[in-house]
Amino acid sequence: MKKYKVVAKDNLEAPPHTWTKGLDYEVIEEDNKDYFTISSNEGAVNYFNSVKDITLENFDELEVGNLSRARELQIIKSALELDIVSQKECIEELKSKGKDFHPWVQWLDDSEKIHKKISIEYMNEMAKEKSL
């Protein structure tokens, strides 16, 4: 039996199953079976081995090691970057309307500190991964 993780390249749908871009899922290939199993947001689904290659083209295989943690940090880092942009836009909007924006400034400051911390941790994880 072979078990490994894959990451969805895009948001995917094969009703009733879905996969979310950037999230990882488990694939199980059992010996002497004509199918493989892949987890989904809803549970797991079995596909015939004859469609395995074309199905798995929609996923990147997650390498063994620290990549899983690095991938998590990369997703958090990206989300924070988008959130920081939105916060800055919100602050500018509130300023232009003469409204109180000071609570947003502290939130932005905290978000930028967390982003810096996550970025450093992400780079360290990537360095560890490359040294393996």
N, C-alpha and C. Protein backbone atom coordinates (compact mmCIF):
# COMPACT_ATOMS: atom_id res chain seq x y z
N MET A 1 0.85 -1.18 0.00
CA MET A 1 0.00 0.00 0.00
C MET A 1 0.89 1.23 0.00
N LYS A 2 0.48 2.24 -0.76
CA LYS A 2 1.21 3.51 -0.83
C LYS A 2 0.26 4.62 -0.41
N LYS A 3 0.69 5.43 0.57
CA LYS A 3 -0.07 6.59 1.02
C LYS A 3 0.80 7.82 0.81
N TYR A 4 0.18 8.88 0.30
CA TYR A 4 0.91 10.13 0.13
C TYR A 4 -0.09 11.29 0.08
N LYS A 5 0.44 12.48 0.21
CA LYS A 5 -0.39 13.69 0.20
C LYS A 5 -0.22 14.41 -1.13
N VAL A 6 -1.30 15.02 -1.56
CA VAL A 6 -1.29 15.86 -2.75
C VAL A 6 -1.96 17.19 -2.40
N VAL A 7 -1.62 18.22 -3.18
CA VAL A 7 -2.20 19.55 -2.99
C VAL A 7 -2.98 19.93 -4.24
N ALA A 8 -4.21 20.37 -4.06
CA ALA A 8 -5.05 20.76 -5.19
C ALA A 8 -4.48 22.00 -5.88
N LYS A 9 -4.35 21.93 -7.20
CA LYS A 9 -3.84 23.06 -7.97
C LYS A 9 -4.89 24.15 -8.14
N ASP A 10 -6.15 23.75 -8.13
CA ASP A 10 -7.28 24.68 -8.30
C ASP A 10 -8.44 24.18 -7.45
N ASN A 11 -9.47 24.99 -7.34
CA ASN A 11 -10.71 24.52 -6.73
C ASN A 11 -11.32 23.52 -7.72
N LEU A 12 -11.63 22.34 -7.21
CA LEU A 12 -12.12 21.27 -8.08
C LEU A 12 -13.45 20.75 -7.57
N GLU A 13 -14.22 20.20 -8.50
CA GLU A 13 -15.54 19.67 -8.13
C GLU A 13 -15.84 18.43 -8.94
N ALA A 14 -16.24 17.37 -8.25
CA ALA A 14 -16.76 16.15 -8.86
C ALA A 14 -17.89 15.71 -7.94
N PRO A 15 -19.08 16.35 -8.12
CA PRO A 15 -20.17 16.18 -7.16
C PRO A 15 -20.37 14.73 -6.72
N PRO A 16 -20.53 14.53 -5.45
CA PRO A 16 -20.67 15.52 -4.37
C PRO A 16 -19.34 15.93 -3.75
N HIS A 17 -18.22 15.58 -4.35
CA HIS A 17 -16.91 15.87 -3.76
C HIS A 17 -16.31 17.15 -4.30
N THR A 18 -15.56 17.85 -3.42
CA THR A 18 -14.85 19.07 -3.81
C THR A 18 -13.46 19.05 -3.19
N TRP A 19 -12.57 19.81 -3.83
CA TRP A 19 -11.21 20.00 -3.34
C TRP A 19 -10.90 21.48 -3.45
N THR A 20 -10.19 22.01 -2.47
CA THR A 20 -9.90 23.44 -2.40
C THR A 20 -8.45 23.71 -2.78
N LYS A 21 -8.26 24.67 -3.67
CA LYS A 21 -6.92 25.04 -4.12
C LYS A 21 -6.01 25.31 -2.93
N GLY A 22 -4.83 24.68 -2.95
CA GLY A 22 -3.84 24.92 -1.90
C GLY A 22 -3.93 24.00 -0.71
N LEU A 23 -5.04 23.28 -0.57
CA LEU A 23 -5.18 22.35 0.55
C LEU A 23 -4.66 20.98 0.16
N ASP A 24 -4.21 20.23 1.18
CA ASP A 24 -3.66 18.91 0.88
C ASP A 24 -4.68 17.82 1.19
N TYR A 25 -4.55 16.73 0.43
CA TYR A 25 -5.46 15.59 0.52
C TYR A 25 -4.63 14.30 0.47
N GLU A 26 -5.16 13.24 1.07
CA GLU A 26 -4.45 11.97 1.11
C GLU A 26 -4.88 11.06 -0.03
N VAL A 27 -3.88 10.44 -0.65
CA VAL A 27 -4.13 9.44 -1.69
C VAL A 27 -3.67 8.09 -1.14
N ILE A 28 -4.49 7.08 -1.35
CA ILE A 28 -4.14 5.72 -0.92
C ILE A 28 -4.24 4.81 -2.14
N GLU A 29 -3.13 4.15 -2.44
CA GLU A 29 -3.10 3.16 -3.51
C GLU A 29 -2.84 1.81 -2.86
N GLU A 30 -3.80 0.92 -2.92
CA GLU A 30 -3.65 -0.41 -2.31
C GLU A 30 -3.20 -1.41 -3.35
N ASP A 31 -2.35 -2.33 -2.92
CA ASP A 31 -1.87 -3.39 -3.80
C ASP A 31 -3.04 -4.28 -4.22
N ASN A 32 -3.00 -4.72 -5.45
CA ASN A 32 -3.98 -5.66 -5.99
C ASN A 32 -5.41 -5.12 -6.02
N LYS A 33 -5.55 -3.81 -6.09
CA LYS A 33 -6.88 -3.20 -6.23
C LYS A 33 -6.91 -2.45 -7.56
N ASP A 34 -8.08 -2.39 -8.17
CA ASP A 34 -8.20 -1.69 -9.45
C ASP A 34 -8.64 -0.24 -9.28
N TYR A 35 -8.50 0.28 -8.07
CA TYR A 35 -8.88 1.65 -7.79
C TYR A 35 -7.90 2.26 -6.78
N PHE A 36 -7.96 3.59 -6.70
CA PHE A 36 -7.23 4.32 -5.67
C PHE A 36 -8.23 5.21 -4.96
N THR A 37 -7.86 5.68 -3.77
CA THR A 37 -8.75 6.52 -2.97
C THR A 37 -8.09 7.87 -2.75
N ILE A 38 -8.87 8.92 -2.89
CA ILE A 38 -8.38 10.27 -2.60
C ILE A 38 -9.37 10.94 -1.66
N SER A 39 -8.85 11.56 -0.61
CA SER A 39 -9.74 12.26 0.31
C SER A 39 -10.24 13.54 -0.36
N SER A 40 -11.37 14.02 0.12
CA SER A 40 -11.96 15.26 -0.39
C SER A 40 -12.47 16.06 0.80
N ASN A 41 -13.02 17.22 0.53
CA ASN A 41 -13.59 18.03 1.61
C ASN A 41 -14.78 17.32 2.26
N GLU A 42 -15.42 16.44 1.50
CA GLU A 42 -16.61 15.75 2.00
C GLU A 42 -16.31 14.37 2.57
N GLY A 43 -15.12 13.85 2.38
CA GLY A 43 -14.79 12.50 2.84
C GLY A 43 -13.70 11.90 1.99
N ALA A 44 -14.06 10.90 1.18
CA ALA A 44 -13.10 10.26 0.28
C ALA A 44 -13.86 9.67 -0.89
N VAL A 45 -13.16 9.52 -2.00
CA VAL A 45 -13.77 8.95 -3.20
C VAL A 45 -12.80 7.96 -3.82
N ASN A 46 -13.34 6.88 -4.38
CA ASN A 46 -12.54 5.89 -5.09
C ASN A 46 -12.66 6.14 -6.58
N TYR A 47 -11.51 6.08 -7.27
CA TYR A 47 -11.48 6.19 -8.73
C TYR A 47 -10.75 4.97 -9.27
N PHE A 48 -11.15 4.51 -10.45
CA PHE A 48 -10.44 3.42 -11.10
C PHE A 48 -9.01 3.85 -11.44
N ASN A 49 -8.10 2.92 -11.35
CA ASN A 49 -6.69 3.21 -11.67
C ASN A 49 -6.52 3.72 -13.09
N SER A 50 -7.44 3.36 -13.98
CA SER A 50 -7.34 3.79 -15.38
C SER A 50 -7.43 5.31 -15.53
N VAL A 51 -7.99 6.01 -14.54
CA VAL A 51 -8.09 7.48 -14.61
C VAL A 51 -7.17 8.16 -13.59
N LYS A 52 -6.30 7.38 -12.95
CA LYS A 52 -5.44 7.94 -11.90
C LYS A 52 -4.55 9.06 -12.43
N ASP A 53 -3.84 8.81 -13.51
CA ASP A 53 -2.90 9.81 -14.01
C ASP A 53 -3.60 11.12 -14.37
N ILE A 54 -4.71 11.03 -15.09
CA ILE A 54 -5.43 12.24 -15.50
C ILE A 54 -6.06 12.95 -14.30
N THR A 55 -6.50 12.18 -13.32
CA THR A 55 -7.08 12.76 -12.11
C THR A 55 -6.02 13.50 -11.32
N LEU A 56 -4.87 12.86 -11.14
CA LEU A 56 -3.82 13.45 -10.30
C LEU A 56 -3.08 14.59 -10.98
N GLU A 57 -3.35 14.83 -12.28
CA GLU A 57 -2.80 16.02 -12.94
C GLU A 57 -3.32 17.30 -12.30
N ASN A 58 -4.44 17.20 -11.59
CA ASN A 58 -5.05 18.36 -10.92
C ASN A 58 -4.43 18.64 -9.56
N PHE A 59 -3.43 17.84 -9.18
CA PHE A 59 -2.81 17.94 -7.86
C PHE A 59 -1.29 17.92 -8.00
N ASP A 60 -0.62 18.54 -7.04
CA ASP A 60 0.83 18.42 -6.91
C ASP A 60 1.10 17.49 -5.75
N GLU A 61 2.04 16.57 -5.94
CA GLU A 61 2.37 15.66 -4.85
C GLU A 61 3.18 16.40 -3.79
N LEU A 62 2.80 16.20 -2.55
CA LEU A 62 3.48 16.81 -1.43
C LEU A 62 4.65 15.92 -1.06
N GLU A 63 5.84 16.50 -1.07
CA GLU A 63 7.01 15.71 -0.75
C GLU A 63 7.09 15.44 0.74
N VAL A 64 7.77 14.35 1.07
CA VAL A 64 7.96 14.01 2.47
C VAL A 64 8.93 15.01 3.08
N GLY A 65 8.74 15.37 4.32
CA GLY A 65 9.64 16.30 4.99
C GLY A 65 8.89 17.49 5.53
N ASN A 66 9.50 18.64 5.45
CA ASN A 66 8.94 19.85 6.04
C ASN A 66 8.02 20.62 5.10
N LEU A 67 7.82 20.11 3.91
CA LEU A 67 7.01 20.85 2.94
C LEU A 67 5.61 21.10 3.46
N SER A 68 5.05 20.15 4.15
CA SER A 68 3.70 20.33 4.66
C SER A 68 3.61 21.57 5.55
N ARG A 69 4.54 21.71 6.46
CA ARG A 69 4.54 22.89 7.34
C ARG A 69 4.85 24.14 6.53
N ALA A 70 5.78 24.04 5.60
CA ALA A 70 6.10 25.19 4.75
C ALA A 70 4.89 25.61 3.94
N ARG A 71 4.16 24.64 3.43
CA ARG A 71 2.96 24.94 2.65
C ARG A 71 1.91 25.65 3.51
N GLU A 72 1.73 25.17 4.74
CA GLU A 72 0.80 25.83 5.66
C GLU A 72 1.21 27.28 5.88
N LEU A 73 2.49 27.50 6.11
CA LEU A 73 2.98 28.85 6.36
C LEU A 73 2.83 29.73 5.12
N GLN A 74 3.04 29.14 3.95
CA GLN A 74 2.89 29.88 2.71
C GLN A 74 1.44 30.35 2.54
N ILE A 75 0.51 29.49 2.86
CA ILE A 75 -0.91 29.85 2.74
C ILE A 75 -1.27 30.94 3.74
N ILE A 76 -0.80 30.81 4.97
CA ILE A 76 -1.07 31.83 5.99
C ILE A 76 -0.45 33.16 5.58
N LYS A 77 0.78 33.11 5.09
CA LYS A 77 1.50 34.31 4.66
C LYS A 77 0.73 35.01 3.53
N SER A 78 0.28 34.25 2.54
CA SER A 78 -0.46 34.82 1.42
C SER A 78 -1.78 35.44 1.88
N ALA A 79 -2.47 34.76 2.77
CA ALA A 79 -3.74 35.29 3.29
C ALA A 79 -3.51 36.59 4.06
N LEU A 80 -2.45 36.63 4.85
CA LEU A 80 -2.14 37.85 5.60
C LEU A 80 -1.81 39.00 4.65
N GLU A 81 -1.08 38.71 3.58
CA GLU A 81 -0.74 39.76 2.62
C GLU A 81 -1.99 40.38 2.02
N LEU A 82 -2.94 39.54 1.65
CA LEU A 82 -4.20 40.06 1.09
C LEU A 82 -4.98 40.84 2.14
N ASP A 83 -4.98 40.34 3.38
CA ASP A 83 -5.69 41.01 4.45
C ASP A 83 -5.06 42.37 4.75
N ILE A 84 -3.75 42.45 4.73
CA ILE A 84 -3.06 43.72 4.99
C ILE A 84 -3.42 44.75 3.93
N VAL A 85 -3.47 44.33 2.67
CA VAL A 85 -3.87 45.25 1.59
C VAL A 85 -5.29 45.75 1.85
N SER A 86 -6.19 44.85 2.22
CA SER A 86 -7.58 45.24 2.50
C SER A 86 -7.67 46.20 3.68
N GLN A 87 -6.88 45.93 4.71
CA GLN A 87 -6.89 46.83 5.88
C GLN A 87 -6.43 48.23 5.51
N LYS A 88 -5.37 48.32 4.71
CA LYS A 88 -4.86 49.63 4.27
C LYS A 88 -5.91 50.38 3.46
N GLU A 89 -6.61 49.65 2.59
CA GLU A 89 -7.67 50.27 1.80
C GLU A 89 -8.80 50.76 2.69
N CYS A 90 -9.15 49.96 3.70
CA CYS A 90 -10.21 50.33 4.64
C CYS A 90 -9.82 51.58 5.43
N ILE A 91 -8.59 51.63 5.88
CA ILE A 91 -8.11 52.80 6.63
C ILE A 91 -8.20 54.06 5.76
N GLU A 92 -7.78 53.96 4.52
CA GLU A 92 -7.84 55.11 3.61
C GLU A 92 -9.29 55.53 3.38
N GLU A 93 -10.16 54.56 3.23
CA GLU A 93 -11.59 54.85 3.04
C GLU A 93 -12.17 55.58 4.26
N LEU A 94 -11.86 55.07 5.45
CA LEU A 94 -12.34 55.71 6.68
C LEU A 94 -11.77 57.11 6.83
N LYS A 95 -10.50 57.29 6.52
CA LYS A 95 -9.87 58.62 6.58
C LYS A 95 -10.58 59.59 5.65
N SER A 96 -10.84 59.15 4.41
CA SER A 96 -11.46 60.02 3.42
C SER A 96 -12.88 60.43 3.81
N LYS A 97 -13.53 59.60 4.63
CA LYS A 97 -14.88 59.91 5.10
C LYS A 97 -14.89 60.60 6.45
N GLY A 98 -13.68 60.86 6.98
CA GLY A 98 -13.58 61.54 8.27
C GLY A 98 -14.04 60.69 9.45
N LYS A 99 -13.95 59.40 9.32
CA LYS A 99 -14.39 58.49 10.39
C LYS A 99 -13.19 58.01 11.19
N ASP A 100 -13.47 57.43 12.36
CA ASP A 100 -12.41 56.94 13.24
C ASP A 100 -11.77 55.69 12.65
N PHE A 101 -10.50 55.82 12.32
CA PHE A 101 -9.76 54.70 11.74
C PHE A 101 -8.70 54.14 12.68
N HIS A 102 -8.55 54.73 13.86
CA HIS A 102 -7.49 54.34 14.79
C HIS A 102 -7.54 52.86 15.22
N PRO A 103 -8.70 52.27 15.47
CA PRO A 103 -8.70 50.84 15.81
C PRO A 103 -8.12 49.98 14.69
N TRP A 104 -8.34 50.40 13.44
CA TRP A 104 -7.82 49.67 12.28
C TRP A 104 -6.29 49.76 12.20
N VAL A 105 -5.75 50.89 12.64
CA VAL A 105 -4.30 51.07 12.58
C VAL A 105 -3.61 50.05 13.49
N GLN A 106 -4.15 49.84 14.69
CA GLN A 106 -3.56 48.85 15.60
C GLN A 106 -3.71 47.44 15.04
N TRP A 107 -4.85 47.16 14.44
CA TRP A 107 -5.07 45.85 13.82
C TRP A 107 -4.06 45.63 12.69
N LEU A 108 -3.86 46.65 11.87
CA LEU A 108 -2.89 46.58 10.78
C LEU A 108 -1.48 46.36 11.32
N ASP A 109 -1.11 47.09 12.36
CA ASP A 109 0.21 46.94 12.97
C ASP A 109 0.41 45.50 13.47
N ASP A 110 -0.60 44.96 14.15
CA ASP A 110 -0.52 43.58 14.64
C ASP A 110 -0.40 42.59 13.48
N SER A 111 -1.18 42.81 12.43
CA SER A 111 -1.14 41.93 11.26
C SER A 111 0.23 41.96 10.59
N GLU A 112 0.84 43.14 10.50
CA GLU A 112 2.16 43.25 9.89
C GLU A 112 3.23 42.56 10.74
N LYS A 113 3.10 42.62 12.05
CA LYS A 113 4.04 41.92 12.94
C LYS A 113 3.91 40.40 12.76
N ILE A 114 2.66 39.93 12.70
CA ILE A 114 2.43 38.49 12.51
C ILE A 114 2.95 38.06 11.14
N HIS A 115 2.73 38.90 10.12
CA HIS A 115 3.21 38.58 8.77
C HIS A 115 4.73 38.44 8.77
N LYS A 116 5.42 39.34 9.45
CA LYS A 116 6.88 39.26 9.52
C LYS A 116 7.32 37.96 10.20
N LYS A 117 6.66 37.62 11.30
CA LYS A 117 6.98 36.40 12.03
C LYS A 117 6.75 35.16 11.16
N ILE A 118 5.61 35.11 10.49
CA ILE A 118 5.27 33.98 9.62
C ILE A 118 6.24 33.90 8.45
N SER A 119 6.61 35.05 7.88
CA SER A 119 7.54 35.07 6.75
C SER A 119 8.89 34.49 7.13
N ILE A 120 9.37 34.85 8.30
CA ILE A 120 10.66 34.33 8.78
C ILE A 120 10.55 32.82 9.00
N GLU A 121 9.47 32.39 9.64
CA GLU A 121 9.29 30.96 9.88
C GLU A 121 9.17 30.20 8.57
N TYR A 122 8.47 30.79 7.61
CA TYR A 122 8.31 30.16 6.29
C TYR A 122 9.68 29.99 5.61
N MET A 123 10.48 31.05 5.62
CA MET A 123 11.81 30.98 4.99
C MET A 123 12.69 29.94 5.68
N ASN A 124 12.61 29.85 6.99
CA ASN A 124 13.37 28.84 7.73
C ASN A 124 12.93 27.43 7.35
N GLU A 125 11.63 27.22 7.22
CA GLU A 125 11.11 25.90 6.83
C GLU A 125 11.55 25.54 5.42
N MET A 126 11.52 26.53 4.52
CA MET A 126 11.95 26.27 3.15
C MET A 126 13.45 25.93 3.11
N ALA A 127 14.25 26.61 3.93
CA ALA A 127 15.68 26.33 3.99
C ALA A 127 15.93 24.91 4.51
N LYS A 128 15.17 24.53 5.54
CA LYS A 128 15.29 23.16 6.06
C LYS A 128 14.96 22.14 5.00
N GLU A 129 13.89 22.42 4.27
CA GLU A 129 13.44 21.50 3.23
C GLU A 129 14.51 21.32 2.15
N LYS A 130 15.13 22.40 1.74
CA LYS A 130 16.15 22.32 0.68
C LYS A 130 17.40 21.62 1.15
N SER A 131 17.65 21.63 2.46
CA SER A 131 18.86 20.98 2.97
C SER A 131 18.68 19.48 3.18
N LEU A 132 17.43 19.01 3.08
CA LEU A 132 17.18 17.57 3.28
C LEU A 132 17.59 16.75 2.08
